[in-house]
Structures are given as structure tokens and as C-alpha cells.
Amino acid sequence: MTTEERLTTLEQKLAAKEVRVRRLVLVDDEGRKRAALDMGPDGPTLRLFDENGVPREMLFVGAELSMLDLADAAGKPRATLVVGADVSRLFLFDAAGKVIWSTP
């Protein structure tokens, strides 16, 4: 068996069908963080970042509720959706962080 054949065989054995990690960070071609998936004590969280590294989206799924936050270019929350067994709420915020509209 040639060295190339051995390497191919080794690569096939090592090729993961599944990757298991507690945190995964995706970077762009410039090495800037653009997405992060974390497994925290209360559940998984997905965060998306813009090209300046500002967090713009956060999705959390927990045992009691799920939450989606959307932020503006400054990273300030502008909309939050919360869904749980006994609650479903949507909040909209102005640039100062004041609630300007929400569901009852």
C-alpha cells in the first residue's frame, strides 16, 4: 500500500459523520466570528454576528421557553419573541431600549 493510499484510508476512518462539541464558532474569511452555537446549562443558544462582530440575532431554546432576539446595527435589542407553555409575547423596542409595543 502506498503512502497516499494509507493516508486516504486513514482519512476515511477519521471522517466524522457527527461532530460533538459544547461550543461551535464559525468565522468568515477574515477570521471574524460570524456565528456561535453554545450548549449552556439551560439549553442551546445560537448567536449570529454582523461583519463588525456585533451580535444581531440570538435564538435560545430551554426547557420552559424559547426566545428570539433581533438587534440593530449597534447591537441593541429591537425585537424579542418569547414562547413558553403559558406565554407567547412579542416586544418591540426603540433605539433607547424602551418598549414601544408588546403583545398582552
N, C-alpha and C. Protein backbone atom coordinates (compact mmCIF):
# COMPACT_ATOMS: atom_id res chain seq x y z
N MET A 1 0.85 -1.18 0.00
CA MET A 1 0.00 0.00 0.00
C MET A 1 0.90 1.24 0.00
N THR A 2 0.59 2.19 -0.88
CA THR A 2 1.39 3.41 -0.98
C THR A 2 1.05 4.35 0.18
N THR A 3 1.89 5.33 0.36
CA THR A 3 1.65 6.33 1.40
C THR A 3 0.34 7.06 1.13
N GLU A 4 0.08 7.39 -0.11
CA GLU A 4 -1.16 8.09 -0.46
C GLU A 4 -2.38 7.21 -0.15
N GLU A 5 -2.30 5.93 -0.45
CA GLU A 5 -3.41 5.01 -0.15
C GLU A 5 -3.60 4.91 1.36
N ARG A 6 -2.51 4.88 2.11
CA ARG A 6 -2.62 4.83 3.58
C ARG A 6 -3.28 6.09 4.13
N LEU A 7 -2.89 7.23 3.58
CA LEU A 7 -3.49 8.49 4.01
C LEU A 7 -4.98 8.54 3.69
N THR A 8 -5.33 8.08 2.51
CA THR A 8 -6.74 8.04 2.12
C THR A 8 -7.52 7.13 3.06
N THR A 9 -6.99 5.98 3.39
CA THR A 9 -7.64 5.05 4.30
C THR A 9 -7.78 5.68 5.68
N LEU A 10 -6.75 6.34 6.16
CA LEU A 10 -6.78 6.99 7.46
C LEU A 10 -7.81 8.12 7.47
N GLU A 11 -7.85 8.92 6.41
CA GLU A 11 -8.83 9.99 6.31
C GLU A 11 -10.25 9.45 6.35
N GLN A 12 -10.49 8.34 5.68
CA GLN A 12 -11.82 7.73 5.67
C GLN A 12 -12.20 7.24 7.06
N LYS A 13 -11.24 6.68 7.78
CA LYS A 13 -11.52 6.20 9.14
C LYS A 13 -11.79 7.35 10.09
N LEU A 14 -11.10 8.47 9.86
CA LEU A 14 -11.23 9.61 10.75
C LEU A 14 -12.38 10.55 10.37
N ALA A 15 -12.92 10.39 9.18
CA ALA A 15 -14.00 11.26 8.73
C ALA A 15 -15.20 11.13 9.67
N ALA A 16 -15.58 12.25 10.24
CA ALA A 16 -16.67 12.23 11.21
C ALA A 16 -18.02 12.31 10.51
N LYS A 17 -18.90 11.46 10.92
CA LYS A 17 -20.27 11.53 10.48
C LYS A 17 -21.05 12.47 11.40
N GLU A 18 -20.47 12.73 12.54
CA GLU A 18 -21.10 13.57 13.56
C GLU A 18 -19.99 14.25 14.35
N VAL A 19 -20.19 15.52 14.63
CA VAL A 19 -19.23 16.26 15.44
C VAL A 19 -19.92 16.63 16.74
N ARG A 20 -19.30 16.34 17.87
CA ARG A 20 -19.89 16.65 19.17
C ARG A 20 -18.99 17.63 19.91
N VAL A 21 -19.55 18.80 20.16
CA VAL A 21 -18.84 19.85 20.89
C VAL A 21 -19.84 20.60 21.75
N ARG A 22 -19.36 21.32 22.74
CA ARG A 22 -20.25 22.14 23.56
C ARG A 22 -20.36 23.56 23.00
N ARG A 23 -19.38 23.94 22.18
CA ARG A 23 -19.40 25.28 21.57
C ARG A 23 -18.81 25.19 20.17
N LEU A 24 -19.46 25.83 19.23
CA LEU A 24 -19.01 25.86 17.85
C LEU A 24 -19.03 27.31 17.39
N VAL A 25 -17.92 27.79 16.85
CA VAL A 25 -17.82 29.15 16.36
C VAL A 25 -17.49 29.11 14.87
N LEU A 26 -18.25 29.85 14.08
CA LEU A 26 -17.99 29.97 12.65
C LEU A 26 -17.38 31.34 12.38
N VAL A 27 -16.33 31.36 11.57
CA VAL A 27 -15.66 32.61 11.23
C VAL A 27 -15.70 32.81 9.72
N ASP A 28 -15.57 34.07 9.31
CA ASP A 28 -15.55 34.36 7.87
C ASP A 28 -14.11 34.26 7.36
N ASP A 29 -13.90 34.63 6.12
CA ASP A 29 -12.57 34.53 5.50
C ASP A 29 -11.53 35.41 6.19
N GLU A 30 -11.99 36.42 6.91
CA GLU A 30 -11.08 37.32 7.62
C GLU A 30 -10.83 36.86 9.06
N GLY A 31 -11.44 35.74 9.46
CA GLY A 31 -11.26 35.23 10.81
C GLY A 31 -12.19 35.85 11.84
N ARG A 32 -13.15 36.65 11.37
CA ARG A 32 -14.10 37.30 12.29
C ARG A 32 -15.22 36.33 12.65
N LYS A 33 -15.59 36.33 13.91
CA LYS A 33 -16.68 35.47 14.37
C LYS A 33 -17.98 35.95 13.74
N ARG A 34 -18.70 35.02 13.10
CA ARG A 34 -19.98 35.37 12.47
C ARG A 34 -21.15 34.60 13.06
N ALA A 35 -20.86 33.45 13.70
CA ALA A 35 -21.92 32.67 14.33
C ALA A 35 -21.32 31.86 15.47
N ALA A 36 -22.13 31.64 16.51
CA ALA A 36 -21.69 30.81 17.64
C ALA A 36 -22.88 29.99 18.11
N LEU A 37 -22.64 28.72 18.30
CA LEU A 37 -23.65 27.81 18.84
C LEU A 37 -23.08 27.28 20.15
N ASP A 38 -23.77 27.58 21.23
CA ASP A 38 -23.30 27.19 22.56
C ASP A 38 -24.32 26.28 23.23
N MET A 39 -23.84 25.31 23.99
CA MET A 39 -24.71 24.49 24.82
C MET A 39 -24.49 24.93 26.26
N GLY A 40 -25.41 25.70 26.79
CA GLY A 40 -25.31 26.20 28.16
C GLY A 40 -26.07 25.31 29.12
N PRO A 41 -26.04 25.64 30.40
CA PRO A 41 -26.72 24.82 31.40
C PRO A 41 -28.24 24.78 31.23
N ASP A 42 -28.81 25.83 30.61
CA ASP A 42 -30.26 25.89 30.45
C ASP A 42 -30.74 25.52 29.05
N GLY A 43 -29.81 25.29 28.12
CA GLY A 43 -30.19 24.91 26.77
C GLY A 43 -29.28 25.54 25.73
N PRO A 44 -29.50 25.21 24.46
CA PRO A 44 -28.65 25.73 23.39
C PRO A 44 -28.99 27.17 23.02
N THR A 45 -27.95 27.90 22.60
CA THR A 45 -28.11 29.28 22.14
C THR A 45 -27.34 29.44 20.83
N LEU A 46 -28.00 30.02 19.85
CA LEU A 46 -27.37 30.35 18.57
C LEU A 46 -27.30 31.86 18.47
N ARG A 47 -26.10 32.39 18.21
CA ARG A 47 -25.92 33.83 18.02
C ARG A 47 -25.32 34.07 16.64
N LEU A 48 -25.84 35.08 15.96
CA LEU A 48 -25.31 35.50 14.66
C LEU A 48 -24.75 36.90 14.79
N PHE A 49 -23.58 37.13 14.19
CA PHE A 49 -22.89 38.41 14.29
C PHE A 49 -22.74 39.03 12.91
N ASP A 50 -22.77 40.36 12.85
CA ASP A 50 -22.56 41.02 11.57
C ASP A 50 -21.06 41.11 11.27
N GLU A 51 -20.71 41.74 10.15
CA GLU A 51 -19.32 41.79 9.73
C GLU A 51 -18.44 42.61 10.69
N ASN A 52 -19.06 43.39 11.58
CA ASN A 52 -18.32 44.16 12.57
C ASN A 52 -18.23 43.45 13.92
N GLY A 53 -18.74 42.23 13.99
CA GLY A 53 -18.70 41.47 15.24
C GLY A 53 -19.82 41.80 16.20
N VAL A 54 -20.80 42.58 15.75
CA VAL A 54 -21.92 42.96 16.61
C VAL A 54 -22.96 41.83 16.61
N PRO A 55 -23.38 41.38 17.79
CA PRO A 55 -24.41 40.34 17.83
C PRO A 55 -25.74 40.91 17.33
N ARG A 56 -26.33 40.26 16.32
CA ARG A 56 -27.56 40.77 15.72
C ARG A 56 -28.76 39.85 15.93
N GLU A 57 -28.50 38.59 16.23
CA GLU A 57 -29.59 37.63 16.42
C GLU A 57 -29.19 36.64 17.48
N MET A 58 -30.16 36.28 18.34
CA MET A 58 -29.92 35.26 19.36
C MET A 58 -31.18 34.39 19.44
N LEU A 59 -30.97 33.10 19.37
CA LEU A 59 -32.06 32.13 19.49
C LEU A 59 -31.71 31.21 20.65
N PHE A 60 -32.61 31.13 21.62
CA PHE A 60 -32.40 30.28 22.79
C PHE A 60 -33.56 29.30 22.89
N VAL A 61 -33.26 28.05 23.21
CA VAL A 61 -34.29 27.04 23.42
C VAL A 61 -34.03 26.39 24.77
N GLY A 62 -34.96 26.55 25.69
CA GLY A 62 -34.83 25.97 27.03
C GLY A 62 -35.99 25.05 27.34
N ALA A 63 -35.94 24.47 28.51
CA ALA A 63 -36.99 23.54 28.92
C ALA A 63 -38.33 24.24 29.11
N GLU A 64 -38.30 25.48 29.59
CA GLU A 64 -39.52 26.21 29.90
C GLU A 64 -39.97 27.15 28.78
N LEU A 65 -39.00 27.69 28.02
CA LEU A 65 -39.36 28.66 26.98
C LEU A 65 -38.30 28.72 25.90
N SER A 66 -38.71 29.33 24.79
CA SER A 66 -37.80 29.63 23.68
C SER A 66 -37.84 31.14 23.47
N MET A 67 -36.72 31.69 22.99
CA MET A 67 -36.66 33.13 22.82
C MET A 67 -35.84 33.47 21.59
N LEU A 68 -36.31 34.48 20.86
CA LEU A 68 -35.61 35.01 19.70
C LEU A 68 -35.42 36.50 19.91
N ASP A 69 -34.17 36.98 19.85
CA ASP A 69 -33.86 38.41 19.95
C ASP A 69 -33.28 38.87 18.63
N LEU A 70 -33.73 40.01 18.15
CA LEU A 70 -33.18 40.64 16.95
C LEU A 70 -32.67 42.02 17.34
N ALA A 71 -31.44 42.34 16.94
CA ALA A 71 -30.82 43.60 17.34
C ALA A 71 -30.51 44.46 16.13
N ASP A 72 -30.31 45.75 16.40
CA ASP A 72 -29.94 46.68 15.34
C ASP A 72 -28.42 46.66 15.13
N ALA A 73 -27.93 47.53 14.26
CA ALA A 73 -26.50 47.54 13.93
C ALA A 73 -25.62 47.91 15.12
N ALA A 74 -26.20 48.52 16.15
CA ALA A 74 -25.45 48.86 17.36
C ALA A 74 -25.48 47.71 18.37
N GLY A 75 -26.22 46.66 18.06
CA GLY A 75 -26.31 45.52 18.97
C GLY A 75 -27.40 45.68 20.01
N LYS A 76 -28.22 46.72 19.89
CA LYS A 76 -29.30 46.94 20.85
C LYS A 76 -30.52 46.13 20.43
N PRO A 77 -31.14 45.43 21.39
CA PRO A 77 -32.34 44.64 21.06
C PRO A 77 -33.44 45.54 20.50
N ARG A 78 -34.04 45.10 19.40
CA ARG A 78 -35.15 45.85 18.80
C ARG A 78 -36.43 45.04 18.76
N ALA A 79 -36.30 43.69 18.83
CA ALA A 79 -37.49 42.83 18.86
C ALA A 79 -37.14 41.56 19.64
N THR A 80 -38.07 41.14 20.47
CA THR A 80 -37.89 39.90 21.24
C THR A 80 -39.20 39.11 21.18
N LEU A 81 -39.07 37.84 20.85
CA LEU A 81 -40.21 36.93 20.85
C LEU A 81 -39.93 35.87 21.90
N VAL A 82 -40.88 35.69 22.82
CA VAL A 82 -40.76 34.71 23.89
C VAL A 82 -41.94 33.75 23.77
N VAL A 83 -41.66 32.45 23.76
CA VAL A 83 -42.71 31.44 23.65
C VAL A 83 -42.47 30.38 24.70
N GLY A 84 -43.51 30.10 25.50
CA GLY A 84 -43.44 29.05 26.52
C GLY A 84 -44.80 28.39 26.64
N ALA A 85 -44.91 27.48 27.57
CA ALA A 85 -46.15 26.75 27.75
C ALA A 85 -47.31 27.68 28.10
N ASP A 86 -47.04 28.70 28.92
CA ASP A 86 -48.10 29.60 29.39
C ASP A 86 -47.97 31.02 28.85
N VAL A 87 -47.02 31.25 27.95
CA VAL A 87 -46.80 32.62 27.48
C VAL A 87 -46.32 32.62 26.04
N SER A 88 -46.82 33.58 25.30
CA SER A 88 -46.30 33.91 23.97
C SER A 88 -46.35 35.42 23.88
N ARG A 89 -45.17 36.04 23.84
CA ARG A 89 -45.11 37.51 23.85
C ARG A 89 -44.14 38.00 22.80
N LEU A 90 -44.48 39.13 22.24
CA LEU A 90 -43.61 39.82 21.30
C LEU A 90 -43.40 41.23 21.82
N PHE A 91 -42.15 41.67 21.88
CA PHE A 91 -41.81 43.01 22.33
C PHE A 91 -41.04 43.71 21.22
N LEU A 92 -41.36 44.99 20.99
CA LEU A 92 -40.62 45.82 20.07
C LEU A 92 -40.03 46.98 20.87
N PHE A 93 -38.77 47.31 20.61
CA PHE A 93 -38.07 48.34 21.36
C PHE A 93 -37.62 49.46 20.45
N ASP A 94 -37.53 50.68 21.01
CA ASP A 94 -36.93 51.78 20.26
C ASP A 94 -35.41 51.74 20.43
N ALA A 95 -34.72 52.69 19.82
CA ALA A 95 -33.26 52.69 19.86
C ALA A 95 -32.70 52.86 21.27
N ALA A 96 -33.51 53.44 22.18
CA ALA A 96 -33.07 53.64 23.57
C ALA A 96 -33.35 52.41 24.44
N GLY A 97 -34.01 51.41 23.86
CA GLY A 97 -34.31 50.20 24.62
C GLY A 97 -35.67 50.22 25.30
N LYS A 98 -36.45 51.26 25.06
CA LYS A 98 -37.79 51.37 25.65
C LYS A 98 -38.78 50.54 24.83
N VAL A 99 -39.65 49.81 25.53
CA VAL A 99 -40.69 49.02 24.85
C VAL A 99 -41.66 50.00 24.19
N ILE A 100 -41.81 49.86 22.87
CA ILE A 100 -42.75 50.73 22.14
C ILE A 100 -44.03 49.98 21.75
N TRP A 101 -43.96 48.63 21.83
CA TRP A 101 -45.15 47.83 21.55
C TRP A 101 -44.91 46.43 22.09
N SER A 102 -45.96 45.83 22.62
CA SER A 102 -45.86 44.43 23.05
C SER A 102 -47.24 43.80 22.99
N THR A 103 -47.23 42.50 22.87
CA THR A 103 -48.50 41.78 22.94
C THR A 103 -48.91 41.71 24.40
N PRO A 104 -50.20 41.54 24.65
CA PRO A 104 -50.66 41.47 26.05
C PRO A 104 -50.18 40.20 26.74
